[in-house]
Amino acid sequence: MTDLEFPQGFTWGAATAAFQIEGAWDQDGKGESIWDRFNHQPYRILNGDTADIACDHYHHMPEDVALMQDLGIQSYRFSISWPRILPGGTGKIETRGLDFYDRLVDRLLAAGITPMATLNHWDFPQALQARGGWPNRDSVEWFTNYAQVVFEKLADRVPLWATHNEPFVVALSGYADGQFAPGIASFPQALRACHHLLLAHGRTVELYRQLGYDGQIGIVLNLATFLPKTDQPQDIAAAHRIEMLINGLFLDPIFRQQYPPALVEWIGEMWPEFEGDDMHVISQPIDFLGINFYFGQIVRYSPNGLLKLRSEQQIDPGWGMTDKGWGVCPSQLTALLKHIKEAYTDIPLYITENGLSVNTPADQNGVINDQARINYLRAHFQAAHQAITEGVDLRGYYVWSLMDNFEWAEGYSLRFGLIDVDFSDPNRKRTPKASFHWYRDVIKKNKICT
């Protein structure tokens, strides 16, 4: 048995997203989001689930902060619902929605928990989708105006900000695949959405600096590793193509002031034209990079599809697949963190999401012994520790998720939470799982036992 101690001041946290936990989808003047519209359409969400109530965090927020305090997390990463603040996306401010986040921040601070706020975790206003959504360049101005409203209310007390969460998912899953809101299948639209998400990020970083706040601002990206199936040139090239699409599409503009040239060449005439100063704006220096990590992929050439490849989940020895169909490969978290440091940036990094979906029923005593989640987290914490020992400036780790929630297109079928939520109970009873208590001990000691 070996104890691995983390650096003094390392931040242990947990994360959620507004649409997945808040509920109250049409209360207190909140406007409709694209996910409200999407999850009310037939055949979009598994089992016809909706997030209308979800965890009802909007009404249970004080209880949830008390659970966070009991858990001992030092920071809580949450997102702000744009249409709860600006029901029409622009214009009239809904003070009741803004006051909810004001109370949340004050309660977190009173509990000794540092807030990390994400401005965009996918719940774009439906009113602005009707005006073209993210493929419309006006979305950059819409977003920065929204950000200013939120900054002016909360930035005096919130020291950590992320502009977007996983813009790849917004652009590609929402506009190319159509599997997520707004459910559009158009690769050219997806590329324009991607660019405007990045441009909105850069403009918002500029705005935050201009307003003179003392905190830090960054972005959260879903990143993975991509290893070729063989050492054959066609497999190596295929792995590089998908890495450019998923990682490089965002890392390269932010840190290299360009899109990956080989990707632009591969996409060809579908690649849209952009304005000359855009890359300068997109590459505004940020204070940290948030990384959401869940899997690695093994890639081989295939004659089918736009990128001419097929991929499979990488699985480390002794591990298997998760409920969500992702391979467990903690080794690739270490590899990814080192790659980012060596290829892109030395700025501080945070793991802003990592966790396991496992549906463990309560035993006869009501105990939810989710040992699989404990094993998963321990292995990934160990991988993060290894990266730190090899020189990576990793500042903190936010477990996904604080509580079971609405898991987008898969509804309530997946359970990522440290806290169980009984969705059949009108009061949404919360029950901390075994992983909650284990994680509390990790935080208290700032170390893991391997």
Protein backbone atom coordinates (compact mmCIF):
# COMPACT_ATOMS: atom_id res chain seq x y z
CA MET A 1 0.00 0.00 0.00
CA THR A 2 1.37 3.39 -1.04
CA ASP A 3 0.12 6.86 -0.13
CA LEU A 4 0.26 9.40 -2.93
CA GLU A 5 0.09 12.91 -1.53
CA PHE A 6 -0.99 15.81 -3.72
CA PRO A 7 0.68 19.25 -3.68
CA GLN A 8 -0.31 21.66 -0.94
CA GLY A 9 -3.15 23.84 -2.21
CA PHE A 10 -4.38 21.28 -4.74
CA THR A 11 -8.08 21.91 -5.33
CA TRP A 12 -10.58 19.08 -4.93
CA GLY A 13 -14.02 19.78 -6.34
CA ALA A 14 -17.16 18.48 -7.98
CA ALA A 15 -19.05 19.66 -11.03
CA THR A 16 -22.59 19.98 -12.37
CA ALA A 17 -24.42 21.75 -15.21
CA ALA A 18 -27.50 23.94 -14.91
CA PHE A 19 -29.75 22.13 -17.40
CA GLN A 20 -28.90 18.74 -15.93
CA ILE A 21 -29.83 19.55 -12.32
CA GLU A 22 -31.86 22.74 -11.93
CA GLY A 23 -35.32 21.85 -13.20
CA ALA A 24 -37.79 24.77 -12.86
CA TRP A 25 -37.56 24.97 -16.64
CA ASP A 26 -40.36 27.51 -17.03
CA GLN A 27 -40.45 29.16 -13.59
CA ASP A 28 -39.62 32.68 -12.43
CA GLY A 29 -39.56 34.07 -15.95
CA LYS A 30 -36.99 31.67 -17.38
CA GLY A 31 -36.93 31.52 -21.17
CA GLU A 32 -36.85 28.38 -23.27
CA SER A 33 -33.45 26.92 -24.12
CA ILE A 34 -32.60 24.79 -27.13
CA TRP A 35 -32.42 21.82 -24.78
CA ASP A 36 -35.89 22.58 -23.40
CA ARG A 37 -37.19 22.51 -26.96
CA PHE A 38 -35.14 19.43 -27.89
CA ASN A 39 -36.09 17.30 -24.89
CA HIS A 40 -39.77 17.99 -25.43
CA GLN A 41 -39.66 16.61 -28.97
CA PRO A 42 -40.50 12.93 -29.58
CA TYR A 43 -37.72 10.36 -30.08
CA ARG A 44 -34.96 12.74 -29.00
CA ILE A 45 -34.33 11.48 -25.44
CA LEU A 46 -34.12 7.90 -24.20
CA ASN A 47 -37.38 6.77 -22.57
CA GLY A 48 -38.94 10.15 -23.33
CA ASP A 49 -37.27 11.66 -20.24
CA THR A 50 -37.21 15.42 -19.75
CA ALA A 51 -35.23 17.76 -17.52
CA ASP A 52 -38.33 19.73 -16.52
CA ILE A 53 -37.71 18.87 -12.86
CA ALA A 54 -34.37 17.00 -13.01
CA CYS A 55 -32.79 17.17 -9.53
CA ASP A 56 -34.90 20.25 -8.70
CA HIS A 57 -31.71 22.00 -7.61
CA TYR A 58 -33.44 25.33 -8.20
CA HIS A 59 -35.55 24.61 -5.11
CA HIS A 60 -33.04 22.42 -3.22
CA MET A 61 -29.96 24.60 -3.59
CA PRO A 62 -29.39 25.21 0.16
CA GLU A 63 -29.59 21.47 0.84
CA ASP A 64 -27.19 20.75 -1.99
CA VAL A 65 -24.63 23.27 -0.75
CA ALA A 66 -24.88 21.68 2.70
CA LEU A 67 -24.07 18.32 1.08
CA MET A 68 -21.08 19.91 -0.67
CA GLN A 69 -19.88 21.24 2.66
CA ASP A 70 -20.26 17.79 4.20
CA LEU A 71 -18.29 16.32 1.30
CA GLY A 72 -15.55 18.82 2.00
CA ILE A 73 -14.97 20.01 -1.57
CA GLN A 74 -12.91 23.16 -1.83
CA SER A 75 -14.48 24.30 -5.10
CA TYR A 76 -17.77 23.76 -6.91
CA ARG A 77 -18.00 24.01 -10.68
CA PHE A 78 -21.49 24.93 -11.86
CA SER A 79 -22.96 26.54 -14.95
CA ILE A 80 -25.30 29.46 -15.43
CA SER A 81 -28.43 29.13 -17.54
CA TRP A 82 -28.37 31.89 -20.15
CA PRO A 83 -32.18 31.91 -20.69
CA ARG A 84 -32.77 32.02 -16.93
CA ILE A 85 -30.95 35.36 -16.94
CA LEU A 86 -32.04 36.68 -20.35
CA PRO A 87 -35.27 34.90 -21.35
CA GLY A 88 -35.06 36.26 -24.88
CA GLY A 89 -31.32 35.75 -25.10
CA THR A 90 -30.81 39.51 -25.25
CA GLY A 91 -32.61 42.52 -23.85
CA LYS A 92 -34.68 42.26 -20.68
CA ILE A 93 -32.87 40.83 -17.64
CA GLU A 94 -34.82 38.42 -15.43
CA THR A 95 -33.73 39.46 -11.96
CA ARG A 96 -35.25 36.39 -10.29
CA GLY A 97 -32.96 34.14 -12.30
CA LEU A 98 -29.92 36.30 -11.64
CA ASP A 99 -30.76 36.39 -7.93
CA PHE A 100 -30.75 32.59 -7.79
CA TYR A 101 -27.09 32.51 -8.77
CA ASP A 102 -26.37 35.42 -6.46
CA ARG A 103 -27.74 33.38 -3.54
CA LEU A 104 -25.86 30.28 -4.68
CA VAL A 105 -22.53 32.14 -4.77
CA ASP A 106 -23.09 33.70 -1.35
CA ARG A 107 -24.03 30.36 0.16
CA LEU A 108 -20.98 28.66 -1.36
CA LEU A 109 -18.67 31.32 0.00
CA ALA A 110 -20.27 31.08 3.43
CA ALA A 111 -19.57 27.32 3.32
CA GLY A 112 -15.93 27.93 2.43
CA ILE A 113 -16.35 26.65 -1.14
CA THR A 114 -14.79 28.52 -4.07
CA PRO A 115 -17.21 28.97 -6.99
CA MET A 116 -16.09 28.14 -10.54
CA ALA A 117 -18.77 29.36 -12.95
CA THR A 118 -19.25 28.23 -16.55
CA LEU A 119 -21.12 30.68 -18.77
CA ASN A 120 -22.14 28.21 -21.47
CA HIS A 121 -22.88 24.58 -20.73
CA TRP A 122 -25.03 24.07 -23.83
CA ASP A 123 -28.41 25.62 -22.84
CA PHE A 124 -28.45 28.30 -25.56
CA PRO A 125 -31.64 30.44 -25.69
CA GLN A 126 -34.22 29.12 -28.13
CA ALA A 127 -35.15 32.69 -29.05
CA LEU A 128 -31.65 33.17 -30.45
CA GLN A 129 -31.68 29.77 -32.14
CA ALA A 130 -34.63 31.10 -34.13
CA ARG A 131 -32.26 33.85 -35.31
CA GLY A 132 -29.65 31.40 -36.55
CA GLY A 133 -27.97 30.13 -33.38
CA TRP A 134 -24.20 29.72 -33.14
CA PRO A 135 -23.71 29.61 -36.94
CA ASN A 136 -24.84 33.26 -36.98
CA ARG A 137 -21.88 35.58 -36.33
CA ASP A 138 -24.18 37.79 -34.26
CA SER A 139 -23.97 35.04 -31.63
CA VAL A 140 -20.59 36.46 -30.61
CA GLU A 141 -22.18 39.75 -29.58
CA TRP A 142 -25.16 38.00 -27.99
CA PHE A 143 -22.84 35.93 -25.82
CA THR A 144 -20.56 38.75 -24.72
CA ASN A 145 -23.57 40.88 -23.77
CA TYR A 146 -24.89 38.01 -21.66
CA ALA A 147 -21.45 37.52 -20.11
CA GLN A 148 -21.29 41.16 -19.12
CA VAL A 149 -24.63 40.92 -17.30
CA VAL A 150 -23.37 37.91 -15.35
CA PHE A 151 -19.94 39.42 -14.64
CA GLU A 152 -21.45 42.62 -13.27
CA LYS A 153 -23.58 40.62 -10.85
CA LEU A 154 -21.17 37.86 -9.76
CA ALA A 155 -17.57 38.49 -10.77
CA ASP A 156 -16.79 40.43 -7.60
CA ARG A 157 -17.17 37.11 -5.71
CA VAL A 158 -16.55 34.36 -8.28
CA PRO A 159 -12.79 34.01 -8.86
CA LEU A 160 -12.83 31.28 -11.54
CA TRP A 161 -14.69 31.52 -14.86
CA ALA A 162 -14.98 29.28 -17.90
CA THR A 163 -16.46 30.70 -21.10
CA HIS A 164 -17.64 27.42 -22.65
CA ASN A 165 -17.93 23.80 -21.65
CA GLU A 166 -17.04 21.39 -24.45
CA PRO A 167 -17.67 23.62 -27.48
CA PHE A 168 -16.86 20.58 -29.64
CA VAL A 169 -20.09 18.95 -28.41
CA VAL A 170 -22.11 22.11 -29.01
CA ALA A 171 -20.83 22.43 -32.57
CA LEU A 172 -20.39 18.85 -33.75
CA SER A 173 -23.05 16.96 -31.77
CA GLY A 174 -25.56 19.79 -32.08
CA TYR A 175 -24.98 20.94 -35.64
CA ALA A 176 -23.16 18.12 -37.49
CA ASP A 177 -24.57 14.91 -36.01
CA GLY A 178 -27.88 16.31 -34.82
CA GLN A 179 -27.81 13.98 -31.82
CA PHE A 180 -27.92 16.90 -29.36
CA ALA A 181 -29.78 20.18 -29.36
CA PRO A 182 -30.57 21.95 -31.60
CA GLY A 183 -30.61 18.73 -33.64
CA ILE A 184 -29.25 20.04 -36.94
CA ALA A 185 -27.22 17.81 -39.28
CA SER A 186 -25.04 20.17 -41.34
CA PHE A 187 -21.27 20.00 -41.24
CA PRO A 188 -20.80 23.50 -42.72
CA GLN A 189 -23.08 24.92 -40.01
CA ALA A 190 -21.08 23.02 -37.40
CA LEU A 191 -17.83 24.62 -38.59
CA ARG A 192 -19.34 28.10 -38.45
CA ALA A 193 -20.73 27.36 -34.98
CA CYS A 194 -17.30 26.18 -33.87
CA HIS A 195 -15.65 29.37 -35.08
CA HIS A 196 -18.22 31.63 -33.45
CA LEU A 197 -17.97 29.73 -30.17
CA LEU A 198 -14.22 30.32 -30.22
CA LEU A 199 -14.64 33.96 -31.21
CA ALA A 200 -17.21 34.47 -28.44
CA HIS A 201 -14.72 32.91 -26.04
CA GLY A 202 -11.99 35.34 -27.09
CA ARG A 203 -14.26 38.38 -26.93
CA THR A 204 -15.43 37.36 -23.48
CA VAL A 205 -11.86 36.97 -22.23
CA GLU A 206 -11.16 40.47 -23.58
CA LEU A 207 -14.28 41.79 -21.83
CA TYR A 208 -13.31 40.19 -18.52
CA ARG A 209 -9.90 41.85 -18.70
CA GLN A 210 -11.40 45.22 -19.66
CA LEU A 211 -13.77 45.12 -16.70
CA GLY A 212 -10.77 44.72 -14.41
CA TYR A 213 -11.71 41.72 -12.30
CA ASP A 214 -9.07 40.01 -10.16
CA GLY A 215 -10.08 36.44 -10.91
CA GLN A 216 -9.10 33.97 -13.60
CA ILE A 217 -10.79 33.01 -16.85
CA GLY A 218 -10.33 30.04 -19.17
CA ILE A 219 -12.22 27.48 -21.22
CA VAL A 220 -13.20 23.83 -20.71
CA LEU A 221 -12.53 21.37 -23.54
CA ASN A 222 -13.31 17.67 -23.90
CA LEU A 223 -10.00 16.12 -24.91
CA ALA A 224 -8.84 12.56 -25.53
CA THR A 225 -5.91 10.56 -26.83
CA PHE A 226 -5.86 8.87 -30.23
CA LEU A 227 -3.43 6.05 -30.89
CA PRO A 228 -3.05 4.32 -34.28
CA LYS A 229 -4.10 0.67 -34.42
CA THR A 230 -0.85 -0.24 -36.20
CA ASP A 231 2.34 1.47 -37.26
CA GLN A 232 1.12 1.56 -40.85
CA PRO A 233 1.10 5.09 -42.36
CA GLN A 234 -2.63 5.01 -43.13
CA ASP A 235 -3.50 4.25 -39.48
CA ILE A 236 -1.10 6.90 -38.18
CA ALA A 237 -2.63 9.47 -40.52
CA ALA A 238 -6.17 8.46 -39.51
CA ALA A 239 -5.34 8.89 -35.81
CA HIS A 240 -3.89 12.31 -36.55
CA ARG A 241 -7.02 13.38 -38.43
CA ILE A 242 -9.41 12.61 -35.58
CA GLU A 243 -7.06 14.19 -33.06
CA MET A 244 -7.08 17.36 -35.17
CA LEU A 245 -10.88 17.33 -35.33
CA ILE A 246 -11.51 16.76 -31.62
CA ASN A 247 -8.47 18.29 -29.90
CA GLY A 248 -6.77 20.52 -32.46
CA LEU A 249 -9.93 22.23 -33.66
CA PHE A 250 -9.92 24.14 -30.35
CA LEU A 251 -6.40 23.86 -28.94
CA ASP A 252 -4.73 25.10 -32.12
CA PRO A 253 -6.70 28.35 -32.48
CA ILE A 254 -6.39 29.16 -28.78
CA PHE A 255 -2.68 28.37 -28.41
CA ARG A 256 -1.29 28.51 -31.98
CA GLN A 257 -3.53 31.17 -33.53
CA GLN A 258 -4.58 28.92 -36.40
CA TYR A 259 -6.76 25.95 -37.23
CA PRO A 260 -4.81 22.75 -37.93
CA PRO A 261 -3.66 23.31 -41.55
CA ALA A 262 -3.93 19.63 -42.47
CA LEU A 263 -7.52 19.54 -41.17
CA VAL A 264 -8.46 22.63 -43.17
CA GLU A 265 -6.95 21.03 -46.28
CA TRP A 266 -8.77 17.75 -45.62
CA ILE A 267 -12.17 19.42 -45.13
CA GLY A 268 -11.62 21.43 -48.30
CA GLU A 269 -14.35 23.61 -49.76
CA MET A 270 -16.68 23.10 -46.77
CA TRP A 271 -14.28 25.13 -44.63
CA PRO A 272 -15.82 28.60 -44.26
CA GLU A 273 -14.04 31.92 -44.74
CA PHE A 274 -13.45 34.00 -41.61
CA GLU A 275 -12.45 37.57 -40.91
CA GLY A 276 -8.77 38.47 -40.68
CA ASP A 277 -8.57 39.56 -37.03
CA ASP A 278 -10.53 36.60 -35.66
CA MET A 279 -7.56 34.43 -34.76
CA HIS A 280 -5.97 37.24 -32.77
CA VAL A 281 -9.16 37.52 -30.72
CA ILE A 282 -9.56 33.77 -30.27
CA SER A 283 -5.99 33.39 -29.00
CA GLN A 284 -6.33 35.89 -26.16
CA PRO A 285 -4.18 34.61 -23.25
CA ILE A 286 -6.19 32.60 -20.74
CA ASP A 287 -5.38 31.84 -17.10
CA PHE A 288 -6.14 28.13 -17.12
CA LEU A 289 -7.35 25.30 -19.33
CA GLY A 290 -10.07 22.99 -18.07
CA ILE A 291 -9.93 19.41 -19.38
CA ASN A 292 -12.84 16.99 -19.41
CA PHE A 293 -11.38 13.49 -19.78
CA TYR A 294 -13.21 10.19 -20.09
CA PHE A 295 -11.52 7.94 -22.66
CA GLY A 296 -8.83 7.25 -25.24
CA GLN A 297 -9.33 5.82 -28.70
CA ILE A 298 -7.54 3.33 -30.94
CA VAL A 299 -7.84 4.46 -34.58
CA ARG A 300 -7.44 2.74 -37.91
CA TYR A 301 -7.97 3.72 -41.50
CA SER A 302 -11.32 2.98 -43.11
CA PRO A 303 -12.52 3.95 -46.59
CA ASN A 304 -15.83 5.19 -45.15
CA GLY A 305 -16.90 8.56 -43.79
CA LEU A 306 -15.54 12.08 -43.99
CA LEU A 307 -12.37 11.35 -42.02
CA LYS A 308 -11.82 7.86 -43.47
CA LEU A 309 -11.33 6.07 -40.18
CA ARG A 310 -12.82 3.84 -37.53
CA SER A 311 -12.08 4.05 -33.84
CA GLU A 312 -12.54 1.82 -30.83
CA GLN A 313 -12.29 2.51 -27.14
CA GLN A 314 -8.91 2.02 -25.52
CA ILE A 315 -9.03 -0.19 -22.42
CA ASP A 316 -6.12 -0.45 -20.01
CA PRO A 317 -5.18 -3.96 -18.73
CA GLY A 318 -7.48 -5.04 -15.93
CA TRP A 319 -10.26 -2.62 -16.88
CA GLY A 320 -13.35 -2.82 -19.07
CA MET A 321 -16.15 -0.69 -20.50
CA THR A 322 -18.37 1.72 -18.58
CA ASP A 323 -22.18 1.80 -18.63
CA LYS A 324 -21.85 4.56 -21.23
CA GLY A 325 -19.72 2.38 -23.50
CA TRP A 326 -16.45 4.15 -22.82
CA GLY A 327 -13.26 2.20 -22.23
CA VAL A 328 -11.45 2.78 -18.95
CA CYS A 329 -7.84 3.84 -19.56
CA PRO A 330 -6.34 5.92 -16.73
CA SER A 331 -2.93 5.77 -18.39
CA GLN A 332 -4.22 8.03 -21.12
CA LEU A 333 -5.06 10.80 -18.65
CA THR A 334 -1.37 11.00 -17.79
CA ALA A 335 -0.45 10.87 -21.48
CA LEU A 336 -2.94 13.60 -22.38
CA LEU A 337 -1.80 15.98 -19.65
CA LYS A 338 1.84 15.55 -20.66
CA HIS A 339 0.96 16.06 -24.33
CA ILE A 340 -0.84 19.33 -23.63
CA LYS A 341 2.14 20.62 -21.65
CA GLU A 342 4.67 19.57 -24.27
CA ALA A 343 2.73 20.53 -27.41
CA TYR A 344 0.56 23.47 -26.41
CA THR A 345 0.90 25.34 -23.13
CA ASP A 346 2.47 25.63 -19.69
CA ILE A 347 -0.52 27.44 -18.16
CA PRO A 348 -2.24 25.83 -15.15
CA LEU A 349 -4.53 22.91 -15.95
CA TYR A 350 -7.61 21.60 -14.15
CA ILE A 351 -9.43 18.33 -14.62
CA THR A 352 -12.88 19.91 -14.82
CA GLU A 353 -14.75 16.66 -15.41
CA ASN A 354 -13.95 13.00 -14.89
CA GLY A 355 -16.15 10.28 -13.49
CA LEU A 356 -17.95 7.01 -14.00
CA SER A 357 -21.53 6.11 -14.77
CA VAL A 358 -22.52 3.07 -12.75
CA ASN A 359 -26.01 2.24 -11.52
CA THR A 360 -25.46 0.56 -8.16
CA PRO A 361 -28.70 -0.21 -6.28
CA ALA A 362 -29.00 0.33 -2.55
CA ASP A 363 -28.55 -2.73 -0.37
CA GLN A 364 -31.02 -3.88 2.30
CA ASN A 365 -29.64 -1.23 4.65
CA GLY A 366 -30.03 1.55 2.12
CA VAL A 367 -26.28 1.78 1.46
CA ILE A 368 -25.18 2.43 -2.13
CA ASN A 369 -21.82 0.71 -2.31
CA ASP A 370 -20.54 1.99 -5.67
CA GLN A 371 -17.11 0.44 -5.35
CA ALA A 372 -16.63 0.54 -9.12
CA ARG A 373 -16.71 4.34 -9.00
CA ILE A 374 -14.20 4.39 -6.15
CA ASN A 375 -11.86 2.13 -8.11
CA TYR A 376 -12.24 4.29 -11.20
CA LEU A 377 -11.59 7.57 -9.41
CA ARG A 378 -8.64 6.18 -7.47
CA ALA A 379 -6.98 5.05 -10.70
CA HIS A 380 -7.54 8.41 -12.39
CA PHE A 381 -6.34 10.35 -9.34
CA GLN A 382 -3.22 8.19 -9.45
CA ALA A 383 -2.78 9.01 -13.16
CA ALA A 384 -3.14 12.71 -12.39
CA HIS A 385 -0.58 12.43 -9.60
CA GLN A 386 1.83 10.76 -12.02
CA ALA A 387 1.44 13.68 -14.43
CA ILE A 388 2.21 16.13 -11.62
CA THR A 389 5.37 14.22 -10.70
CA GLU A 390 6.41 14.49 -14.36
CA GLY A 391 6.11 18.27 -14.36
CA VAL A 392 2.52 19.00 -15.37
CA ASP A 393 1.06 22.07 -13.62
CA LEU A 394 -2.23 20.45 -12.62
CA ARG A 395 -3.99 22.61 -10.03
CA GLY A 396 -7.20 20.72 -9.27
CA TYR A 397 -9.65 17.94 -9.99
CA TYR A 398 -13.44 18.26 -10.30
CA VAL A 399 -15.30 14.95 -10.15
CA TRP A 400 -18.27 14.50 -12.47
CA SER A 401 -20.73 14.62 -10.99
CA LEU A 402 -21.83 15.89 -7.62
CA MET A 403 -25.18 14.14 -8.04
CA ASP A 404 -27.07 11.90 -10.42
CA ASN A 405 -28.70 14.05 -13.07
CA PHE A 406 -30.30 14.30 -16.49
CA GLU A 407 -27.65 12.87 -18.81
CA TRP A 408 -28.67 14.69 -22.01
CA ALA A 409 -29.94 12.36 -24.76
CA GLU A 410 -29.69 9.38 -22.42
CA GLY A 411 -32.06 10.86 -19.88
CA TYR A 412 -31.91 9.31 -16.42
CA SER A 413 -30.48 5.98 -17.58
CA LEU A 414 -26.91 6.85 -16.48
CA ARG A 415 -25.76 7.59 -12.93
CA PHE A 416 -22.57 9.65 -12.61
CA GLY A 417 -23.25 11.08 -9.15
CA LEU A 418 -21.44 10.86 -5.85
CA ILE A 419 -24.94 11.48 -4.49
CA ASP A 420 -27.93 9.37 -5.49
CA VAL A 421 -31.07 11.24 -6.50
CA ASP A 422 -34.39 9.40 -6.37
CA PHE A 423 -36.14 10.69 -9.49
CA SER A 424 -39.31 8.81 -8.56
CA ASP A 425 -39.61 10.85 -5.36
CA PRO A 426 -41.39 14.21 -5.74
CA ASN A 427 -38.91 15.63 -3.22
CA ARG A 428 -35.92 14.18 -5.12
CA LYS A 429 -34.41 12.51 -2.04
CA ARG A 430 -30.61 12.72 -1.97
CA THR A 431 -28.48 9.86 -0.60
CA PRO A 432 -24.67 10.06 -0.49
CA LYS A 433 -23.05 6.95 -1.96
CA ALA A 434 -19.98 5.09 -0.70
CA SER A 435 -17.91 7.06 -3.22
CA PHE A 436 -19.03 10.28 -1.51
CA HIS A 437 -17.57 9.14 1.79
CA TRP A 438 -14.40 7.81 0.13
CA TYR A 439 -13.86 11.07 -1.75
CA ARG A 440 -14.43 13.05 1.46
CA ASP A 441 -11.55 11.13 3.02
CA VAL A 442 -9.31 11.81 0.01
CA ILE A 443 -10.03 15.53 0.26
CA LYS A 444 -9.45 15.65 3.99
CA LYS A 445 -6.07 13.90 3.72
CA ASN A 446 -5.08 15.34 0.31
CA LYS A 447 -3.82 11.90 -0.60
CA ILE A 448 -4.92 8.57 -2.03
CA CYS A 449 -3.92 5.09 -0.94
CA THR A 450 -3.04 2.80 -3.87
